[in-house]
Amino acid sequence: MTNEPTNAARAEWAKEALTVFTIQTFSGDSPDTMDRGDLESAIGDLIADLLHFAEQQGFETDCILASAALHFEAEQREEARP
């Protein structure tokens, strides 16, 4: 047995960060009340803004995106195991 977080927990953490972001950038909207199109836009906007921050800190954004995709895929596979 492991103490690793579940993907549901990871998604909840992301929703909390997205909520803070959308309150400031989407007229106070919450991810729970946004329509699907606005929610998708907000997710993309937050990712883009995180990349702006990373670039300002001197990170290679392509590397961050590639690493994030690998982590996501690995975490998906981990939970899919029986």
N, C-alpha and C. Protein backbone atom coordinates (compact mmCIF):
# COMPACT_ATOMS: atom_id res chain seq x y z
N MET A 1 0.85 -1.18 0.00
CA MET A 1 0.00 0.00 0.00
C MET A 1 0.89 1.24 0.00
N THR A 2 0.45 2.28 -0.70
CA THR A 2 1.23 3.51 -0.85
C THR A 2 0.43 4.71 -0.36
N ASN A 3 1.15 5.74 -0.01
CA ASN A 3 0.50 6.97 0.43
C ASN A 3 0.42 8.00 -0.69
N GLU A 4 0.62 7.55 -1.91
CA GLU A 4 0.54 8.46 -3.06
C GLU A 4 -0.88 9.00 -3.19
N PRO A 5 -1.00 10.27 -3.61
CA PRO A 5 -2.34 10.82 -3.81
C PRO A 5 -3.03 10.15 -5.00
N THR A 6 -4.32 10.17 -4.98
CA THR A 6 -5.10 9.65 -6.11
C THR A 6 -5.24 10.73 -7.17
N ASN A 7 -5.64 10.32 -8.36
CA ASN A 7 -5.89 11.30 -9.41
C ASN A 7 -7.09 12.18 -9.06
N ALA A 8 -8.02 11.64 -8.31
CA ALA A 8 -9.14 12.46 -7.85
C ALA A 8 -8.65 13.57 -6.93
N ALA A 9 -7.70 13.25 -6.05
CA ALA A 9 -7.13 14.27 -5.16
C ALA A 9 -6.36 15.30 -5.98
N ARG A 10 -5.59 14.85 -6.94
CA ARG A 10 -4.84 15.77 -7.81
C ARG A 10 -5.80 16.71 -8.55
N ALA A 11 -6.89 16.17 -9.05
CA ALA A 11 -7.88 16.98 -9.76
C ALA A 11 -8.51 18.00 -8.81
N GLU A 12 -8.73 17.62 -7.58
CA GLU A 12 -9.31 18.54 -6.59
C GLU A 12 -8.33 19.69 -6.30
N TRP A 13 -7.04 19.37 -6.18
CA TRP A 13 -6.04 20.43 -5.97
C TRP A 13 -6.05 21.40 -7.14
N ALA A 14 -6.13 20.86 -8.35
CA ALA A 14 -6.16 21.71 -9.55
C ALA A 14 -7.41 22.57 -9.56
N LYS A 15 -8.54 22.00 -9.15
CA LYS A 15 -9.79 22.77 -9.11
C LYS A 15 -9.68 23.92 -8.11
N GLU A 16 -9.02 23.69 -6.99
CA GLU A 16 -8.84 24.76 -6.00
C GLU A 16 -8.00 25.89 -6.59
N ALA A 17 -6.92 25.55 -7.29
CA ALA A 17 -6.09 26.58 -7.93
C ALA A 17 -6.89 27.29 -9.02
N LEU A 18 -7.65 26.54 -9.79
CA LEU A 18 -8.47 27.12 -10.85
C LEU A 18 -9.53 28.05 -10.28
N THR A 19 -10.09 27.71 -9.14
CA THR A 19 -11.09 28.56 -8.50
C THR A 19 -10.50 29.92 -8.14
N VAL A 20 -9.33 29.92 -7.54
CA VAL A 20 -8.66 31.19 -7.21
C VAL A 20 -8.43 31.99 -8.49
N PHE A 21 -7.99 31.33 -9.54
CA PHE A 21 -7.71 31.98 -10.81
C PHE A 21 -8.98 32.56 -11.44
N THR A 22 -10.05 31.77 -11.49
CA THR A 22 -11.26 32.25 -12.17
C THR A 22 -11.97 33.35 -11.38
N ILE A 23 -11.83 33.35 -10.08
CA ILE A 23 -12.43 34.43 -9.28
C ILE A 23 -11.83 35.77 -9.71
N GLN A 24 -10.54 35.76 -10.02
CA GLN A 24 -9.86 36.99 -10.42
C GLN A 24 -9.99 37.29 -11.91
N THR A 25 -10.12 36.28 -12.74
CA THR A 25 -10.05 36.50 -14.18
C THR A 25 -11.36 36.28 -14.94
N PHE A 26 -12.31 35.63 -14.35
CA PHE A 26 -13.59 35.35 -15.03
C PHE A 26 -14.75 35.95 -14.25
N SER A 27 -14.61 37.21 -13.87
CA SER A 27 -15.68 37.96 -13.19
C SER A 27 -16.21 37.26 -11.95
N GLY A 28 -15.34 36.60 -11.22
CA GLY A 28 -15.74 35.96 -9.98
C GLY A 28 -16.39 34.61 -10.15
N ASP A 29 -16.39 34.08 -11.37
CA ASP A 29 -17.00 32.77 -11.60
C ASP A 29 -16.21 31.66 -10.92
N SER A 30 -16.92 30.62 -10.58
CA SER A 30 -16.32 29.42 -10.00
C SER A 30 -16.37 28.31 -11.03
N PRO A 31 -15.40 27.42 -11.05
CA PRO A 31 -15.47 26.29 -11.98
C PRO A 31 -16.77 25.49 -11.86
N ASP A 32 -17.37 25.50 -10.67
CA ASP A 32 -18.63 24.76 -10.47
C ASP A 32 -19.80 25.38 -11.21
N THR A 33 -19.72 26.68 -11.51
CA THR A 33 -20.86 27.36 -12.13
C THR A 33 -20.61 27.79 -13.56
N MET A 34 -19.40 27.56 -14.07
CA MET A 34 -19.06 27.97 -15.43
C MET A 34 -19.60 26.98 -16.45
N ASP A 35 -19.97 27.52 -17.62
CA ASP A 35 -20.36 26.59 -18.68
C ASP A 35 -19.10 25.93 -19.23
N ARG A 36 -19.30 24.84 -19.92
CA ARG A 36 -18.17 24.00 -20.36
C ARG A 36 -17.15 24.78 -21.21
N GLY A 37 -17.62 25.63 -22.10
CA GLY A 37 -16.72 26.39 -22.96
C GLY A 37 -15.87 27.36 -22.16
N ASP A 38 -16.48 28.08 -21.21
CA ASP A 38 -15.72 29.00 -20.37
C ASP A 38 -14.74 28.26 -19.47
N LEU A 39 -15.17 27.11 -18.97
CA LEU A 39 -14.29 26.32 -18.11
C LEU A 39 -13.06 25.84 -18.89
N GLU A 40 -13.29 25.38 -20.10
CA GLU A 40 -12.16 24.94 -20.93
C GLU A 40 -11.22 26.11 -21.21
N SER A 41 -11.77 27.28 -21.50
CA SER A 41 -10.94 28.48 -21.73
C SER A 41 -10.15 28.84 -20.48
N ALA A 42 -10.79 28.76 -19.33
CA ALA A 42 -10.12 29.10 -18.07
C ALA A 42 -8.96 28.15 -17.79
N ILE A 43 -9.15 26.87 -18.04
CA ILE A 43 -8.08 25.90 -17.83
C ILE A 43 -6.89 26.24 -18.74
N GLY A 44 -7.17 26.49 -20.00
CA GLY A 44 -6.11 26.86 -20.94
C GLY A 44 -5.42 28.16 -20.54
N ASP A 45 -6.21 29.15 -20.10
CA ASP A 45 -5.63 30.43 -19.67
C ASP A 45 -4.72 30.24 -18.46
N LEU A 46 -5.12 29.41 -17.51
CA LEU A 46 -4.29 29.18 -16.33
C LEU A 46 -2.99 28.49 -16.72
N ILE A 47 -3.08 27.51 -17.59
CA ILE A 47 -1.86 26.83 -18.04
C ILE A 47 -0.94 27.84 -18.73
N ALA A 48 -1.50 28.69 -19.60
CA ALA A 48 -0.69 29.70 -20.29
C ALA A 48 -0.04 30.66 -19.30
N ASP A 49 -0.80 31.10 -18.31
CA ASP A 49 -0.25 32.02 -17.32
C ASP A 49 0.83 31.36 -16.47
N LEU A 50 0.67 30.08 -16.16
CA LEU A 50 1.73 29.36 -15.46
C LEU A 50 2.99 29.29 -16.31
N LEU A 51 2.83 29.14 -17.61
CA LEU A 51 3.99 29.12 -18.50
C LEU A 51 4.67 30.49 -18.56
N HIS A 52 3.88 31.56 -18.53
CA HIS A 52 4.47 32.91 -18.46
C HIS A 52 5.30 33.04 -17.19
N PHE A 53 4.76 32.59 -16.08
CA PHE A 53 5.48 32.65 -14.81
C PHE A 53 6.77 31.82 -14.89
N ALA A 54 6.67 30.62 -15.43
CA ALA A 54 7.84 29.75 -15.54
C ALA A 54 8.92 30.40 -16.40
N GLU A 55 8.51 30.99 -17.50
CA GLU A 55 9.47 31.66 -18.37
C GLU A 55 10.17 32.81 -17.65
N GLN A 56 9.40 33.58 -16.87
CA GLN A 56 10.00 34.68 -16.09
C GLN A 56 11.00 34.17 -15.06
N GLN A 57 10.81 32.94 -14.63
CA GLN A 57 11.72 32.34 -13.66
C GLN A 57 12.92 31.66 -14.32
N GLY A 58 12.95 31.69 -15.64
CA GLY A 58 14.08 31.14 -16.38
C GLY A 58 13.95 29.69 -16.76
N PHE A 59 12.76 29.13 -16.66
CA PHE A 59 12.56 27.73 -17.02
C PHE A 59 12.24 27.59 -18.50
N GLU A 60 12.53 26.41 -19.04
CA GLU A 60 12.19 26.08 -20.42
C GLU A 60 10.75 25.56 -20.43
N THR A 61 9.85 26.33 -21.02
CA THR A 61 8.44 25.96 -20.98
C THR A 61 8.14 24.68 -21.74
N ASP A 62 8.87 24.43 -22.82
CA ASP A 62 8.66 23.17 -23.55
C ASP A 62 8.97 21.97 -22.67
N CYS A 63 10.02 22.08 -21.87
CA CYS A 63 10.39 20.99 -20.96
C CYS A 63 9.32 20.79 -19.90
N ILE A 64 8.78 21.89 -19.39
CA ILE A 64 7.73 21.79 -18.38
C ILE A 64 6.49 21.10 -18.96
N LEU A 65 6.09 21.50 -20.17
CA LEU A 65 4.92 20.89 -20.80
C LEU A 65 5.16 19.40 -21.06
N ALA A 66 6.33 19.05 -21.55
CA ALA A 66 6.64 17.65 -21.82
C ALA A 66 6.65 16.83 -20.53
N SER A 67 7.26 17.38 -19.49
CA SER A 67 7.30 16.69 -18.20
C SER A 67 5.90 16.52 -17.62
N ALA A 68 5.09 17.55 -17.72
CA ALA A 68 3.72 17.48 -17.20
C ALA A 68 2.92 16.40 -17.93
N ALA A 69 3.06 16.33 -19.24
CA ALA A 69 2.35 15.31 -20.00
C ALA A 69 2.79 13.91 -19.59
N LEU A 70 4.09 13.73 -19.39
CA LEU A 70 4.59 12.42 -18.94
C LEU A 70 4.07 12.06 -17.56
N HIS A 71 4.04 13.02 -16.65
CA HIS A 71 3.53 12.77 -15.30
C HIS A 71 2.05 12.39 -15.37
N PHE A 72 1.28 13.14 -16.14
CA PHE A 72 -0.15 12.88 -16.28
C PHE A 72 -0.38 11.46 -16.80
N GLU A 73 0.33 11.10 -17.86
CA GLU A 73 0.16 9.78 -18.46
C GLU A 73 0.57 8.67 -17.48
N ALA A 74 1.65 8.89 -16.75
CA ALA A 74 2.10 7.88 -15.78
C ALA A 74 1.08 7.72 -14.65
N GLU A 75 0.54 8.83 -14.19
CA GLU A 75 -0.45 8.77 -13.11
C GLU A 75 -1.74 8.11 -13.59
N GLN A 76 -2.11 8.34 -14.85
CA GLN A 76 -3.28 7.67 -15.41
C GLN A 76 -3.04 6.16 -15.47
N ARG A 77 -1.88 5.77 -15.95
CA ARG A 77 -1.56 4.32 -16.05
C ARG A 77 -1.52 3.69 -14.66
N GLU A 78 -0.95 4.39 -13.69
CA GLU A 78 -0.82 3.86 -12.33
C GLU A 78 -2.21 3.51 -11.77
N GLU A 79 -3.16 4.39 -11.94
CA GLU A 79 -4.49 4.12 -11.39
C GLU A 79 -5.27 3.10 -12.21
N ALA A 80 -4.87 2.92 -13.46
CA ALA A 80 -5.58 1.95 -14.32
C ALA A 80 -5.17 0.52 -14.02
N ARG A 81 -4.06 0.35 -13.32
CA ARG A 81 -3.61 -1.01 -12.97
C ARG A 81 -4.59 -1.68 -12.03
N PRO A 82 -4.82 -2.98 -12.26
CA PRO A 82 -5.75 -3.69 -11.37
C PRO A 82 -5.17 -3.95 -9.99
